[in-house]
Amino acid sequence: MKLLTCLLFVFATAMAKPKDIIEFFEGKSPSNLKWAHAVNTKDLLDKALKDTSINMIEADVRMGKLKTETAYAVDDIPIMSHDTAESDLSLEEFLIQVKGQTAERKVGIKLDFKDLLAYNQLDTEKFQTDINALNVPVLLNADVVKGPGKTPKAGVSIKLIEKLEGVLYSLGWTTGDFIEEEKEEAKPEKKDGEEAQKEKDNEYTETHVKAMEIYVKTNFVESKITFPVRAMFLSRNVKVFTEYLKDEKYTMTVWSAEDDDKHIKIPELSNFLLDNSKKVFVDIPKTVQDSIDKHRKNGGTSAMPMAATILAFIALALNYFN
């Protein structure tokens, strides 16, 4: 009987396909979807669900204690929290509250697993049933390989594909803080190549991309995947992701922390978003979006349309003189 139950579960999940986000939002451009970030409390979730301008709700999952009005739960369970071991909202309550609202309006969710234990503690069959019942796009995120910045953490090695279907996988790189230039008086004597290495540490590189390719080919061969990338590191080397966006299975999600603004190369980021608007989701603070809008208003445009115009003019001229 147990074997039959397992086989039925595997068959049911294999039949479940991820909700296409673009189709779900009736063709709305990925770059125009509005996100609510770090929705990790009952109050924040209630506000996000009532705000009809919000398309996607992002929240963090880790093990911890559920806090009630009078006490804390004894046992650790999957809760909604970014970096603390307590919350007034459990993962189970989060899904129930979202389900109660999805009949009234369209909203998708992104669950960012912050530790392996939270994922391994799930009742997989129940979680699968809960996800299917939502009938909305569900992104499962984990930072699985080490990325750029100052001392980034090791990746969380989660093989989500072995347990769940009907979701869009969001596989990212861990990142550290931006490596600042040292003040003149504090600068030690530099060795050859040290400055160049610092630049590399502040951007996504071929090494980061290759590490992700190996992880994906090992665990997620047939899956649709979105790759979350941090804006300040992306803006310093946008070319490294060119090949990723050519694959129809892949999209990207550009995100930014609140205090990243001063390290973002706005022209490069703006051009990247324009050139890839159909393949890139944008989850950035208003301050960063305002800087992008200001850049475009002042005449900043994508280099690609200009390049295409020049090539077309050259072709026309060659054809005329021939």
Protein backbone atom coordinates (compact mmCIF):
# COMPACT_ATOMS: atom_id res chain seq x y z
CA MET A 1 0.00 0.00 0.00
CA LYS A 2 2.84 2.39 0.86
CA LEU A 3 4.49 1.63 -2.49
CA LEU A 4 1.22 2.33 -4.32
CA THR A 5 0.81 5.63 -2.47
CA CYS A 6 4.34 6.67 -3.43
CA LEU A 7 3.77 5.74 -7.07
CA LEU A 8 0.52 7.73 -7.21
CA PHE A 9 2.26 10.73 -5.65
CA VAL A 10 5.14 10.55 -8.14
CA PHE A 11 2.66 10.27 -11.05
CA ALA A 12 0.61 13.23 -9.81
CA THR A 13 3.63 15.48 -9.35
CA ALA A 14 5.12 14.48 -12.67
CA MET A 15 1.92 15.65 -14.34
CA ALA A 16 2.05 19.03 -12.60
CA LYS A 17 3.62 21.73 -14.73
CA PRO A 18 4.83 25.12 -13.55
CA LYS A 19 2.38 27.97 -14.02
CA ASP A 20 3.78 30.17 -16.76
CA ILE A 21 4.15 33.58 -15.11
CA ILE A 22 3.75 35.59 -18.31
CA GLU A 23 0.63 33.70 -19.35
CA PHE A 24 -0.77 33.95 -15.82
CA PHE A 25 -0.46 37.73 -15.91
CA GLU A 26 -1.93 37.82 -19.42
CA GLY A 27 1.21 38.70 -21.32
CA LYS A 28 2.48 41.39 -18.97
CA SER A 29 6.21 41.97 -19.48
CA PRO A 30 8.36 40.31 -16.77
CA SER A 31 10.16 43.60 -16.20
CA ASN A 32 6.85 45.33 -15.40
CA LEU A 33 5.69 42.96 -12.67
CA LYS A 34 5.63 44.55 -9.21
CA TRP A 35 7.14 42.66 -6.28
CA ALA A 36 6.61 42.76 -2.53
CA HIS A 37 9.89 41.78 -0.88
CA ALA A 38 10.61 40.00 2.45
CA VAL A 39 6.93 39.45 3.30
CA ASN A 40 7.71 37.52 6.47
CA THR A 41 5.01 38.59 8.98
CA LYS A 42 1.23 38.31 9.14
CA ASP A 43 0.88 42.08 8.86
CA LEU A 44 3.16 42.39 5.82
CA LEU A 45 1.43 39.47 4.08
CA ASP A 46 -2.00 40.97 4.74
CA LYS A 47 -0.88 44.32 3.29
CA ALA A 48 0.70 42.70 0.22
CA LEU A 49 -2.41 40.66 -0.53
CA LYS A 50 -4.65 43.72 -0.20
CA ASP A 51 -2.43 45.83 -2.48
CA THR A 52 -3.79 44.98 -5.92
CA SER A 53 -0.77 46.56 -7.62
CA ILE A 54 1.44 43.73 -6.27
CA ASN A 55 1.94 40.85 -8.71
CA MET A 56 4.52 38.70 -6.91
CA ILE A 57 5.07 38.15 -3.18
CA GLU A 58 8.56 37.12 -2.06
CA ALA A 59 9.12 35.63 1.39
CA ASP A 60 11.91 33.77 3.19
CA VAL A 61 11.74 30.33 4.81
CA ARG A 62 13.96 28.99 7.59
CA MET A 63 13.65 26.82 10.68
CA GLY A 64 12.58 28.61 13.85
CA LYS A 65 9.93 29.08 16.50
CA LEU A 66 6.42 30.32 15.78
CA LYS A 67 5.58 33.30 17.99
CA THR A 68 2.00 33.74 19.18
CA GLU A 69 0.43 36.55 21.22
CA THR A 70 1.18 34.75 24.48
CA ALA A 71 4.18 32.47 23.90
CA TYR A 72 6.55 30.71 21.53
CA ALA A 73 5.95 27.24 20.13
CA VAL A 74 8.21 24.59 21.66
CA ASP A 75 9.38 22.91 18.47
CA ASP A 76 11.19 24.46 15.52
CA ILE A 77 9.18 24.43 12.29
CA PRO A 78 9.51 26.11 8.85
CA ILE A 79 8.72 29.78 9.52
CA MET A 80 8.81 32.94 7.43
CA SER A 81 11.99 34.79 8.35
CA HIS A 82 15.12 36.07 6.61
CA ASP A 83 17.72 35.81 9.37
CA THR A 84 16.04 35.42 12.77
CA ALA A 85 14.83 32.19 14.37
CA GLU A 86 11.35 33.49 15.24
CA SER A 87 8.28 34.75 13.40
CA ASP A 88 4.54 35.20 13.88
CA LEU A 89 3.99 33.46 10.53
CA SER A 90 4.67 29.83 9.66
CA LEU A 91 5.09 28.52 6.12
CA GLU A 92 1.84 26.58 6.50
CA GLU A 93 -0.05 29.73 7.59
CA PHE A 94 1.54 31.71 4.75
CA LEU A 95 0.21 29.26 2.14
CA ILE A 96 -3.25 29.16 3.74
CA GLN A 97 -3.50 32.97 3.76
CA VAL A 98 -2.38 33.23 0.13
CA LYS A 99 -4.85 30.55 -0.93
CA GLY A 100 -7.65 32.52 0.72
CA GLN A 101 -6.95 35.50 -1.54
CA THR A 102 -6.05 33.97 -4.90
CA ALA A 103 -9.66 33.47 -5.91
CA GLU A 104 -10.17 37.24 -5.74
CA ARG A 105 -7.08 38.43 -7.60
CA LYS A 106 -3.96 37.26 -9.41
CA VAL A 107 -0.78 37.03 -7.37
CA GLY A 108 2.22 34.68 -7.50
CA ILE A 109 4.66 33.74 -4.74
CA LYS A 110 8.39 33.19 -4.38
CA LEU A 111 9.66 31.17 -1.43
CA ASP A 112 13.35 31.70 -0.66
CA PHE A 113 14.72 28.80 1.40
CA LYS A 114 17.46 30.17 3.65
CA ASP A 115 18.61 26.85 5.07
CA LEU A 116 18.62 23.21 4.03
CA LEU A 117 16.93 22.05 7.21
CA ALA A 118 13.77 24.08 6.48
CA TYR A 119 13.38 22.34 3.16
CA ASN A 120 14.17 18.87 4.52
CA GLN A 121 11.62 19.29 7.33
CA LEU A 122 8.75 19.73 4.89
CA ASP A 123 6.00 17.16 4.64
CA THR A 124 6.63 16.84 0.91
CA GLU A 125 3.28 15.36 -0.04
CA LYS A 126 1.34 17.98 1.91
CA PHE A 127 3.52 20.81 0.57
CA GLN A 128 2.98 19.54 -2.98
CA THR A 129 -0.79 19.42 -2.39
CA ASP A 130 -0.77 22.94 -0.93
CA ILE A 131 1.17 24.31 -3.92
CA ASN A 132 -1.16 22.64 -6.42
CA ALA A 133 -4.20 24.03 -4.57
CA LEU A 134 -2.92 27.60 -4.91
CA ASN A 135 -3.19 27.44 -8.70
CA VAL A 136 -0.77 30.38 -9.04
CA PRO A 137 2.88 30.70 -10.13
CA VAL A 138 5.19 29.39 -7.40
CA LEU A 139 8.94 30.06 -7.43
CA LEU A 140 11.23 28.09 -5.13
CA ASN A 141 14.50 29.90 -4.54
CA ALA A 142 17.81 28.83 -3.05
CA ASP A 143 21.31 30.27 -3.44
CA VAL A 144 23.09 27.10 -4.46
CA VAL A 145 26.61 28.20 -5.50
CA LYS A 146 29.07 30.81 -4.26
CA GLY A 147 29.01 34.16 -6.07
CA PRO A 148 30.76 37.56 -6.02
CA GLY A 149 31.41 40.08 -3.26
CA LYS A 150 33.30 40.05 0.02
CA THR A 151 33.38 36.56 1.62
CA PRO A 152 30.10 35.18 0.21
CA LYS A 153 28.70 32.16 2.03
CA ALA A 154 28.77 28.67 0.56
CA GLY A 155 25.69 27.69 -1.42
CA VAL A 156 22.77 25.75 0.04
CA SER A 157 22.83 22.45 -1.85
CA ILE A 158 19.14 21.70 -2.36
CA LYS A 159 18.05 19.17 -4.98
CA LEU A 160 14.47 20.44 -5.25
CA ILE A 161 13.86 18.57 -8.48
CA GLU A 162 13.88 15.24 -6.64
CA LYS A 163 10.83 16.15 -4.58
CA LEU A 164 8.61 18.78 -6.18
CA GLU A 165 7.01 19.54 -9.52
CA GLY A 166 4.74 22.31 -10.76
CA VAL A 167 7.10 25.06 -9.62
CA LEU A 168 9.58 27.40 -11.27
CA TYR A 169 13.03 26.98 -9.79
CA SER A 170 14.97 30.10 -8.85
CA LEU A 171 18.63 29.15 -8.44
CA GLY A 172 21.06 31.85 -7.42
CA TRP A 173 24.54 32.68 -6.22
CA THR A 174 25.36 33.68 -2.66
CA THR A 175 26.79 37.19 -2.58
CA GLY A 176 28.84 39.24 -0.14
CA ASP A 177 29.21 42.96 0.39
CA PHE A 178 30.73 45.17 -2.28
CA ILE A 179 34.52 45.36 -1.87
CA GLU A 180 35.24 49.03 -1.31
CA GLU A 181 38.36 50.89 -2.45
CA GLU A 182 40.75 51.47 0.42
CA LYS A 183 41.47 55.04 1.43
CA GLU A 184 44.78 56.42 0.12
CA GLU A 185 46.45 56.62 3.52
CA ALA A 186 45.42 53.06 4.36
CA LYS A 187 46.43 51.47 1.07
CA PRO A 188 49.27 48.91 1.32
CA GLU A 189 51.59 48.46 -1.62
CA LYS A 190 49.68 46.62 -4.36
CA LYS A 191 50.96 43.55 -6.15
CA ASP A 192 50.50 43.19 -9.90
CA GLY A 193 46.97 42.07 -10.75
CA GLU A 194 45.54 42.80 -7.28
CA GLU A 195 43.37 45.68 -8.51
CA ALA A 196 42.13 43.59 -11.43
CA GLN A 197 41.21 40.78 -9.06
CA LYS A 198 39.24 43.19 -6.87
CA GLU A 199 37.22 44.22 -9.93
CA LYS A 200 36.54 40.55 -10.67
CA ASP A 201 35.38 40.01 -7.09
CA ASN A 202 32.75 42.74 -7.61
CA GLU A 203 31.12 41.14 -10.65
CA TYR A 204 29.72 37.85 -11.90
CA THR A 205 32.43 35.99 -13.82
CA GLU A 206 32.74 32.99 -16.12
CA THR A 207 33.80 30.96 -13.06
CA HIS A 208 30.49 31.74 -11.32
CA VAL A 209 28.53 30.89 -14.46
CA LYS A 210 30.37 27.60 -14.99
CA ALA A 211 29.73 26.55 -11.39
CA MET A 212 26.01 27.16 -11.89
CA GLU A 213 26.00 25.29 -15.21
CA ILE A 214 27.48 22.23 -13.51
CA TYR A 215 24.91 22.40 -10.71
CA VAL A 216 22.00 22.78 -13.14
CA LYS A 217 23.15 19.97 -15.46
CA THR A 218 23.54 17.67 -12.47
CA ASN A 219 20.20 18.37 -10.78
CA PHE A 220 17.80 20.37 -12.98
CA VAL A 221 18.32 19.22 -16.57
CA GLU A 222 14.76 19.54 -17.89
CA SER A 223 13.48 22.29 -15.61
CA LYS A 224 12.54 25.85 -16.37
CA ILE A 225 14.77 28.05 -14.24
CA THR A 226 15.07 31.72 -13.38
CA PHE A 227 18.47 32.90 -12.16
CA PRO A 228 18.36 35.68 -9.54
CA VAL A 229 21.30 38.08 -9.93
CA ARG A 230 22.25 41.05 -7.75
CA ALA A 231 22.07 44.31 -9.69
CA MET A 232 25.33 45.88 -8.51
CA PHE A 233 27.39 42.84 -9.56
CA LEU A 234 25.42 42.27 -12.77
CA SER A 235 25.90 45.88 -13.89
CA ARG A 236 29.69 45.38 -13.90
CA ASN A 237 29.62 42.45 -16.33
CA VAL A 238 26.32 41.99 -18.17
CA LYS A 239 27.93 40.08 -21.05
CA VAL A 240 28.59 37.00 -18.95
CA PHE A 241 24.87 36.09 -19.01
CA THR A 242 24.30 36.49 -22.77
CA GLU A 243 24.23 32.76 -23.47
CA TYR A 244 21.88 32.02 -20.55
CA LEU A 245 19.16 34.23 -21.98
CA LYS A 246 19.31 32.50 -25.38
CA ASP A 247 17.93 29.30 -23.82
CA GLU A 248 14.13 29.30 -23.84
CA LYS A 249 14.06 27.44 -20.50
CA TYR A 250 15.91 30.24 -18.70
CA THR A 251 15.00 33.68 -17.44
CA MET A 252 16.66 36.01 -14.92
CA THR A 253 15.46 37.93 -11.89
CA VAL A 254 17.41 41.12 -11.14
CA TRP A 255 17.29 42.04 -7.45
CA SER A 256 18.98 44.60 -5.23
CA ALA A 257 19.43 45.31 -1.55
CA GLU A 258 18.32 48.70 -0.23
CA ASP A 259 21.85 50.03 0.27
CA ASP A 260 23.36 48.80 -3.02
CA ASP A 261 22.47 51.97 -4.95
CA LYS A 262 25.87 53.67 -4.98
CA HIS A 263 27.59 50.61 -6.43
CA ILE A 264 25.22 50.05 -9.36
CA LYS A 265 26.30 51.17 -12.83
CA ILE A 266 22.92 52.57 -13.82
CA PRO A 267 23.53 52.99 -17.61
CA GLU A 268 24.72 49.38 -17.95
CA LEU A 269 21.86 48.02 -15.84
CA SER A 270 19.28 50.14 -17.66
CA ASN A 271 20.48 48.95 -21.07
CA PHE A 272 20.51 45.32 -19.96
CA LEU A 273 16.91 45.55 -18.74
CA LEU A 274 15.76 47.23 -21.95
CA ASP A 275 17.50 44.72 -24.19
CA ASN A 276 16.12 41.73 -22.27
CA SER A 277 12.73 42.98 -21.07
CA LYS A 278 10.95 39.78 -22.18
CA LYS A 279 13.33 37.50 -20.31
CA VAL A 280 14.11 39.39 -17.10
CA PHE A 281 12.03 39.87 -13.95
CA VAL A 282 12.87 42.99 -11.95
CA ASP A 283 12.74 43.03 -8.14
CA ILE A 284 14.56 46.23 -7.16
CA PRO A 285 13.92 49.03 -4.62
CA LYS A 286 12.17 52.21 -5.73
CA THR A 287 15.40 54.21 -5.33
CA VAL A 288 17.14 52.07 -7.96
CA GLN A 289 14.15 52.16 -10.30
CA ASP A 290 14.00 55.95 -9.93
CA SER A 291 17.67 56.19 -10.94
CA ILE A 292 17.00 54.07 -14.01
CA ASP A 293 13.96 56.18 -14.95
CA LYS A 294 15.99 59.38 -14.53
CA HIS A 295 18.77 57.98 -16.72
CA ARG A 296 16.30 57.11 -19.48
CA LYS A 297 14.51 60.43 -19.20
CA ASN A 298 17.83 62.21 -19.69
CA GLY A 299 18.44 60.38 -22.95
CA GLY A 300 19.99 57.14 -21.77
CA THR A 301 18.90 54.35 -24.10
CA SER A 302 19.92 50.85 -24.99
CA ALA A 303 23.01 50.48 -27.11
CA MET A 304 21.46 47.61 -29.06
CA PRO A 305 18.81 49.56 -31.00
CA MET A 306 21.45 52.13 -31.94
CA ALA A 307 23.78 49.39 -33.14
CA ALA A 308 20.98 47.85 -35.18
CA THR A 309 20.22 51.22 -36.75
CA ILE A 310 23.85 51.73 -37.75
CA LEU A 311 24.09 48.25 -39.27
CA ALA A 312 20.87 48.80 -41.20
CA PHE A 313 22.20 52.11 -42.55
CA ILE A 314 25.48 50.45 -43.64
CA ALA A 315 23.58 47.65 -45.38
CA LEU A 316 21.37 50.18 -47.16
CA ALA A 317 24.40 52.17 -48.30
CA LEU A 318 26.20 49.09 -49.60
CA ASN A 319 23.13 48.00 -51.48
CA TYR A 320 22.75 51.50 -53.01
CA PHE A 321 26.34 51.66 -54.25
CA ASN A 322 26.26 48.12 -55.60
